Amino acid sequence: MSLQQKTIQRYRQFFPDDTLREVSGRTGIQITRVFRLLSGKNMKVAELEAFERVIRLKVAENPSFARMTDVIEEASAILTNEELAKIAEYVQRKVSNRSFGRLYIRAHQQDSHIA
């Protein structure tokens, strides 16, 4: 996955429901250009920086996330590959459990509306 794709994916994780107009407003990129970028056109460096700036501002709102990011960067420089693999597996398991829980709750909510 390219840096551009990762950046857009991260942006969509923080702002999943943003319209083209909202993306344009947050990033300062023209709406037609946003459409092209989200459709796969190559980003210019300034556009990538605009998306990254918005992501950094969102991350800064949550001190725990910023702390975790800092710890991960430090750990990647110090810990062995095996230790990093264990941590990554643990985090992935937590994410999967949370995702499964949301799907389970959503399915039961829909079932209760049908009944």
N, C-alpha and C. Protein backbone atom coordinates (compact mmCIF):
# COMPACT_ATOMS: atom_id res chain seq x y z
N MET A 1 0.85 -1.18 0.00
CA MET A 1 0.00 0.00 0.00
C MET A 1 0.89 1.24 0.00
N SER A 2 0.56 2.19 -0.83
CA SER A 2 1.37 3.40 -0.96
C SER A 2 1.12 4.35 0.22
N LEU A 3 2.01 5.31 0.37
CA LEU A 3 1.86 6.31 1.41
C LEU A 3 0.57 7.09 1.22
N GLN A 4 0.22 7.39 -0.01
CA GLN A 4 -1.02 8.11 -0.30
C GLN A 4 -2.23 7.29 0.15
N GLN A 5 -2.25 6.02 -0.19
CA GLN A 5 -3.38 5.17 0.20
C GLN A 5 -3.47 5.05 1.72
N LYS A 6 -2.33 4.90 2.39
CA LYS A 6 -2.33 4.82 3.85
C LYS A 6 -2.85 6.10 4.47
N THR A 7 -2.44 7.22 3.91
CA THR A 7 -2.87 8.51 4.45
C THR A 7 -4.37 8.69 4.29
N ILE A 8 -4.89 8.36 3.12
CA ILE A 8 -6.34 8.47 2.90
C ILE A 8 -7.09 7.50 3.81
N GLN A 9 -6.57 6.30 3.97
CA GLN A 9 -7.20 5.31 4.85
C GLN A 9 -7.22 5.83 6.29
N ARG A 10 -6.12 6.39 6.75
CA ARG A 10 -6.08 6.96 8.11
C ARG A 10 -7.05 8.11 8.24
N TYR A 11 -7.11 8.96 7.22
CA TYR A 11 -8.06 10.08 7.25
C TYR A 11 -9.48 9.55 7.39
N ARG A 12 -9.81 8.54 6.61
CA ARG A 12 -11.17 7.97 6.64
C ARG A 12 -11.47 7.28 7.97
N GLN A 13 -10.44 6.79 8.66
CA GLN A 13 -10.67 6.21 9.98
C GLN A 13 -11.09 7.29 10.98
N PHE A 14 -10.48 8.46 10.86
CA PHE A 14 -10.82 9.56 11.77
C PHE A 14 -12.09 10.29 11.36
N PHE A 15 -12.34 10.36 10.07
CA PHE A 15 -13.49 11.10 9.54
C PHE A 15 -14.24 10.24 8.53
N PRO A 16 -14.88 9.16 8.98
CA PRO A 16 -15.48 8.20 8.04
C PRO A 16 -16.67 8.75 7.25
N ASP A 17 -17.35 9.74 7.77
CA ASP A 17 -18.57 10.22 7.12
C ASP A 17 -18.39 11.56 6.42
N ASP A 18 -17.15 12.04 6.32
CA ASP A 18 -16.93 13.34 5.68
C ASP A 18 -17.34 13.32 4.21
N THR A 19 -18.04 14.35 3.81
CA THR A 19 -18.38 14.54 2.40
C THR A 19 -17.17 15.16 1.70
N LEU A 20 -17.23 15.22 0.38
CA LEU A 20 -16.15 15.87 -0.37
C LEU A 20 -15.97 17.32 0.09
N ARG A 21 -17.07 17.99 0.32
CA ARG A 21 -17.02 19.39 0.76
C ARG A 21 -16.33 19.50 2.12
N GLU A 22 -16.61 18.57 3.03
CA GLU A 22 -15.99 18.61 4.35
C GLU A 22 -14.50 18.30 4.28
N VAL A 23 -14.13 17.32 3.44
CA VAL A 23 -12.71 17.00 3.24
C VAL A 23 -12.00 18.24 2.69
N SER A 24 -12.61 18.87 1.72
CA SER A 24 -12.05 20.07 1.11
C SER A 24 -11.87 21.17 2.16
N GLY A 25 -12.88 21.36 2.99
CA GLY A 25 -12.82 22.39 4.01
C GLY A 25 -11.73 22.13 5.05
N ARG A 26 -11.58 20.88 5.46
CA ARG A 26 -10.57 20.53 6.46
C ARG A 26 -9.15 20.65 5.91
N THR A 27 -8.96 20.24 4.66
CA THR A 27 -7.62 20.18 4.08
C THR A 27 -7.22 21.44 3.33
N GLY A 28 -8.20 22.21 2.88
CA GLY A 28 -7.90 23.39 2.08
C GLY A 28 -7.64 23.06 0.62
N ILE A 29 -7.96 21.84 0.23
CA ILE A 29 -7.78 21.40 -1.16
C ILE A 29 -9.11 21.58 -1.88
N GLN A 30 -9.06 22.07 -3.13
CA GLN A 30 -10.29 22.28 -3.89
C GLN A 30 -11.10 20.98 -3.98
N ILE A 31 -12.42 21.14 -3.96
CA ILE A 31 -13.32 19.99 -3.91
C ILE A 31 -13.15 19.07 -5.12
N THR A 32 -12.93 19.63 -6.29
CA THR A 32 -12.75 18.77 -7.48
C THR A 32 -11.45 17.98 -7.38
N ARG A 33 -10.44 18.60 -6.80
CA ARG A 33 -9.15 17.91 -6.62
C ARG A 33 -9.30 16.82 -5.56
N VAL A 34 -10.06 17.08 -4.50
CA VAL A 34 -10.31 16.06 -3.48
C VAL A 34 -10.97 14.85 -4.12
N PHE A 35 -11.96 15.09 -4.97
CA PHE A 35 -12.63 13.99 -5.67
C PHE A 35 -11.61 13.15 -6.44
N ARG A 36 -10.74 13.83 -7.17
CA ARG A 36 -9.73 13.10 -7.96
C ARG A 36 -8.77 12.32 -7.06
N LEU A 37 -8.35 12.93 -5.95
CA LEU A 37 -7.42 12.25 -5.04
C LEU A 37 -8.07 11.01 -4.42
N LEU A 38 -9.32 11.13 -4.01
CA LEU A 38 -10.01 10.00 -3.40
C LEU A 38 -10.33 8.93 -4.44
N SER A 39 -10.29 9.31 -5.71
CA SER A 39 -10.51 8.36 -6.80
C SER A 39 -9.21 7.71 -7.28
N GLY A 40 -8.07 8.11 -6.67
CA GLY A 40 -6.83 7.43 -6.99
C GLY A 40 -5.78 8.25 -7.72
N LYS A 41 -6.06 9.50 -8.04
CA LYS A 41 -5.04 10.34 -8.68
C LYS A 41 -3.88 10.55 -7.71
N ASN A 42 -2.68 10.72 -8.25
CA ASN A 42 -1.50 10.92 -7.41
C ASN A 42 -1.56 12.28 -6.71
N MET A 43 -1.16 12.28 -5.44
CA MET A 43 -1.12 13.50 -4.64
C MET A 43 0.19 14.25 -4.86
N LYS A 44 0.09 15.54 -4.76
CA LYS A 44 1.28 16.38 -4.68
C LYS A 44 1.72 16.37 -3.22
N VAL A 45 2.96 16.73 -2.99
CA VAL A 45 3.50 16.73 -1.63
C VAL A 45 2.66 17.64 -0.72
N ALA A 46 2.30 18.81 -1.19
CA ALA A 46 1.52 19.75 -0.38
C ALA A 46 0.16 19.16 0.00
N GLU A 47 -0.44 18.38 -0.90
CA GLU A 47 -1.73 17.75 -0.60
C GLU A 47 -1.57 16.66 0.45
N LEU A 48 -0.52 15.87 0.30
CA LEU A 48 -0.24 14.85 1.31
C LEU A 48 -0.02 15.50 2.67
N GLU A 49 0.73 16.59 2.70
CA GLU A 49 0.98 17.31 3.94
C GLU A 49 -0.31 17.86 4.53
N ALA A 50 -1.23 18.31 3.69
CA ALA A 50 -2.51 18.84 4.17
C ALA A 50 -3.32 17.75 4.87
N PHE A 51 -3.37 16.56 4.26
CA PHE A 51 -4.08 15.44 4.89
C PHE A 51 -3.40 15.05 6.20
N GLU A 52 -2.07 14.98 6.18
CA GLU A 52 -1.32 14.61 7.39
C GLU A 52 -1.52 15.63 8.50
N ARG A 53 -1.59 16.91 8.15
CA ARG A 53 -1.81 17.96 9.15
C ARG A 53 -3.16 17.77 9.84
N VAL A 54 -4.19 17.48 9.06
CA VAL A 54 -5.52 17.26 9.62
C VAL A 54 -5.50 16.04 10.54
N ILE A 55 -4.83 14.99 10.12
CA ILE A 55 -4.73 13.77 10.93
C ILE A 55 -4.00 14.07 12.24
N ARG A 56 -2.88 14.80 12.15
CA ARG A 56 -2.12 15.14 13.36
C ARG A 56 -2.95 15.96 14.33
N LEU A 57 -3.73 16.91 13.81
CA LEU A 57 -4.59 17.72 14.68
C LEU A 57 -5.63 16.85 15.39
N LYS A 58 -6.19 15.89 14.66
CA LYS A 58 -7.17 14.99 15.26
C LYS A 58 -6.52 14.12 16.32
N VAL A 59 -5.33 13.62 16.04
CA VAL A 59 -4.60 12.78 17.00
C VAL A 59 -4.27 13.58 18.25
N ALA A 60 -3.92 14.84 18.08
CA ALA A 60 -3.56 15.69 19.22
C ALA A 60 -4.72 15.89 20.18
N GLU A 61 -5.95 15.71 19.71
CA GLU A 61 -7.13 15.83 20.57
C GLU A 61 -7.20 14.71 21.59
N ASN A 62 -6.53 13.59 21.31
CA ASN A 62 -6.56 12.43 22.19
C ASN A 62 -5.15 12.16 22.71
N PRO A 63 -4.83 12.60 23.93
CA PRO A 63 -3.48 12.44 24.44
C PRO A 63 -3.05 10.97 24.56
N SER A 64 -3.97 10.07 24.80
CA SER A 64 -3.62 8.65 24.89
C SER A 64 -3.14 8.13 23.54
N PHE A 65 -3.78 8.55 22.47
CA PHE A 65 -3.37 8.10 21.15
C PHE A 65 -1.98 8.65 20.81
N ALA A 66 -1.77 9.93 21.12
CA ALA A 66 -0.46 10.53 20.86
C ALA A 66 0.62 9.82 21.67
N ARG A 67 0.32 9.49 22.91
CA ARG A 67 1.28 8.77 23.76
C ARG A 67 1.58 7.39 23.19
N MET A 68 0.54 6.71 22.74
CA MET A 68 0.74 5.38 22.16
C MET A 68 1.61 5.45 20.92
N THR A 69 1.37 6.43 20.08
CA THR A 69 2.18 6.61 18.88
C THR A 69 3.64 6.84 19.24
N ASP A 70 3.89 7.66 20.24
CA ASP A 70 5.26 7.91 20.68
C ASP A 70 5.92 6.64 21.22
N VAL A 71 5.17 5.88 22.01
CA VAL A 71 5.71 4.64 22.59
C VAL A 71 6.01 3.63 21.48
N ILE A 72 5.15 3.54 20.49
CA ILE A 72 5.37 2.60 19.38
C ILE A 72 6.64 2.98 18.62
N GLU A 73 6.83 4.27 18.36
CA GLU A 73 8.04 4.70 17.67
C GLU A 73 9.29 4.34 18.47
N GLU A 74 9.24 4.58 19.78
CA GLU A 74 10.38 4.25 20.64
C GLU A 74 10.60 2.75 20.69
N ALA A 75 9.52 1.98 20.82
CA ALA A 75 9.63 0.52 20.89
C ALA A 75 10.22 -0.05 19.62
N SER A 76 9.84 0.50 18.47
CA SER A 76 10.35 -0.03 17.21
C SER A 76 11.85 0.15 17.08
N ALA A 77 12.41 1.10 17.80
CA ALA A 77 13.86 1.32 17.76
C ALA A 77 14.60 0.47 18.78
N ILE A 78 13.92 0.01 19.82
CA ILE A 78 14.60 -0.65 20.94
C ILE A 78 14.31 -2.15 21.02
N LEU A 79 13.07 -2.55 20.82
CA LEU A 79 12.67 -3.93 21.04
C LEU A 79 13.09 -4.84 19.88
N THR A 80 13.16 -6.13 20.18
CA THR A 80 13.49 -7.11 19.15
C THR A 80 12.28 -7.37 18.26
N ASN A 81 12.51 -8.00 17.13
CA ASN A 81 11.41 -8.33 16.22
C ASN A 81 10.39 -9.25 16.89
N GLU A 82 10.85 -10.18 17.70
CA GLU A 82 9.94 -11.09 18.39
C GLU A 82 9.06 -10.33 19.39
N GLU A 83 9.65 -9.40 20.13
CA GLU A 83 8.88 -8.62 21.10
C GLU A 83 7.86 -7.74 20.38
N LEU A 84 8.27 -7.13 19.29
CA LEU A 84 7.34 -6.31 18.51
C LEU A 84 6.21 -7.14 17.93
N ALA A 85 6.52 -8.36 17.49
CA ALA A 85 5.48 -9.25 16.94
C ALA A 85 4.45 -9.59 18.00
N LYS A 86 4.90 -9.85 19.23
CA LYS A 86 3.96 -10.17 20.32
C LYS A 86 3.05 -8.98 20.62
N ILE A 87 3.64 -7.80 20.65
CA ILE A 87 2.84 -6.59 20.93
C ILE A 87 1.83 -6.36 19.80
N ALA A 88 2.29 -6.50 18.56
CA ALA A 88 1.39 -6.31 17.41
C ALA A 88 0.25 -7.32 17.45
N GLU A 89 0.56 -8.56 17.81
CA GLU A 89 -0.48 -9.59 17.89
C GLU A 89 -1.49 -9.25 18.98
N TYR A 90 -1.01 -8.77 20.12
CA TYR A 90 -1.90 -8.39 21.21
C TYR A 90 -2.83 -7.24 20.78
N VAL A 91 -2.26 -6.23 20.17
CA VAL A 91 -3.07 -5.08 19.73
C VAL A 91 -4.07 -5.52 18.67
N GLN A 92 -3.64 -6.34 17.73
CA GLN A 92 -4.55 -6.83 16.69
C GLN A 92 -5.71 -7.62 17.29
N ARG A 93 -5.42 -8.42 18.31
CA ARG A 93 -6.47 -9.19 18.98
C ARG A 93 -7.47 -8.26 19.66
N LYS A 94 -6.98 -7.19 20.30
CA LYS A 94 -7.86 -6.22 20.95
C LYS A 94 -8.76 -5.53 19.91
N VAL A 95 -8.17 -5.17 18.78
CA VAL A 95 -8.94 -4.51 17.72
C VAL A 95 -10.00 -5.46 17.16
N SER A 96 -9.61 -6.71 16.92
CA SER A 96 -10.55 -7.70 16.39
C SER A 96 -11.70 -7.93 17.36
N ASN A 97 -11.38 -8.05 18.64
CA ASN A 97 -12.42 -8.26 19.65
C ASN A 97 -13.39 -7.08 19.69
N ARG A 98 -12.87 -5.88 19.61
CA ARG A 98 -13.72 -4.69 19.64
C ARG A 98 -14.57 -4.63 18.38
N SER A 99 -13.98 -4.93 17.24
CA SER A 99 -14.73 -4.90 15.97
C SER A 99 -15.83 -5.96 15.98
N PHE A 100 -15.50 -7.16 16.46
CA PHE A 100 -16.50 -8.22 16.53
C PHE A 100 -17.62 -7.83 17.47
N GLY A 101 -17.28 -7.22 18.60
CA GLY A 101 -18.29 -6.78 19.56
C GLY A 101 -19.25 -5.79 18.95
N ARG A 102 -18.72 -4.85 18.17
CA ARG A 102 -19.59 -3.86 17.52
C ARG A 102 -20.52 -4.51 16.51
N LEU A 103 -19.99 -5.47 15.73
CA LEU A 103 -20.82 -6.16 14.76
C LEU A 103 -21.91 -6.96 15.46
N TYR A 104 -21.56 -7.62 16.56
CA TYR A 104 -22.51 -8.42 17.33
C TYR A 104 -23.63 -7.54 17.87
N ILE A 105 -23.27 -6.40 18.45
CA ILE A 105 -24.27 -5.49 19.02
C ILE A 105 -25.16 -4.94 17.91
N ARG A 106 -24.55 -4.54 16.79
CA ARG A 106 -25.32 -3.99 15.67
C ARG A 106 -26.32 -5.02 15.14
N ALA A 107 -25.88 -6.27 15.02
CA ALA A 107 -26.77 -7.31 14.51
C ALA A 107 -27.93 -7.53 15.45
N HIS A 108 -27.68 -7.52 16.76
CA HIS A 108 -28.77 -7.73 17.72
C HIS A 108 -29.73 -6.54 17.77
N GLN A 109 -29.20 -5.34 17.57
CA GLN A 109 -30.07 -4.18 17.52
C GLN A 109 -31.00 -4.24 16.32
N GLN A 110 -30.48 -4.70 15.19
CA GLN A 110 -31.31 -4.82 14.00
C GLN A 110 -32.36 -5.91 14.19
N ASP A 111 -31.99 -7.02 14.83
CA ASP A 111 -32.93 -8.11 15.09
C ASP A 111 -34.06 -7.63 15.99
N SER A 112 -33.75 -6.81 17.00
CA SER A 112 -34.79 -6.35 17.91
C SER A 112 -35.76 -5.38 17.23
N HIS A 113 -35.26 -4.66 16.21
CA HIS A 113 -36.15 -3.75 15.47
C HIS A 113 -37.09 -4.53 14.55
N ILE A 114 -36.62 -5.66 14.06
CA ILE A 114 -37.43 -6.47 13.15
C ILE A 114 -38.52 -7.20 13.93
N ALA A 115 -38.19 -7.69 15.11
CA ALA A 115 -39.14 -8.49 15.90
C ALA A 115 -40.26 -7.70 16.48
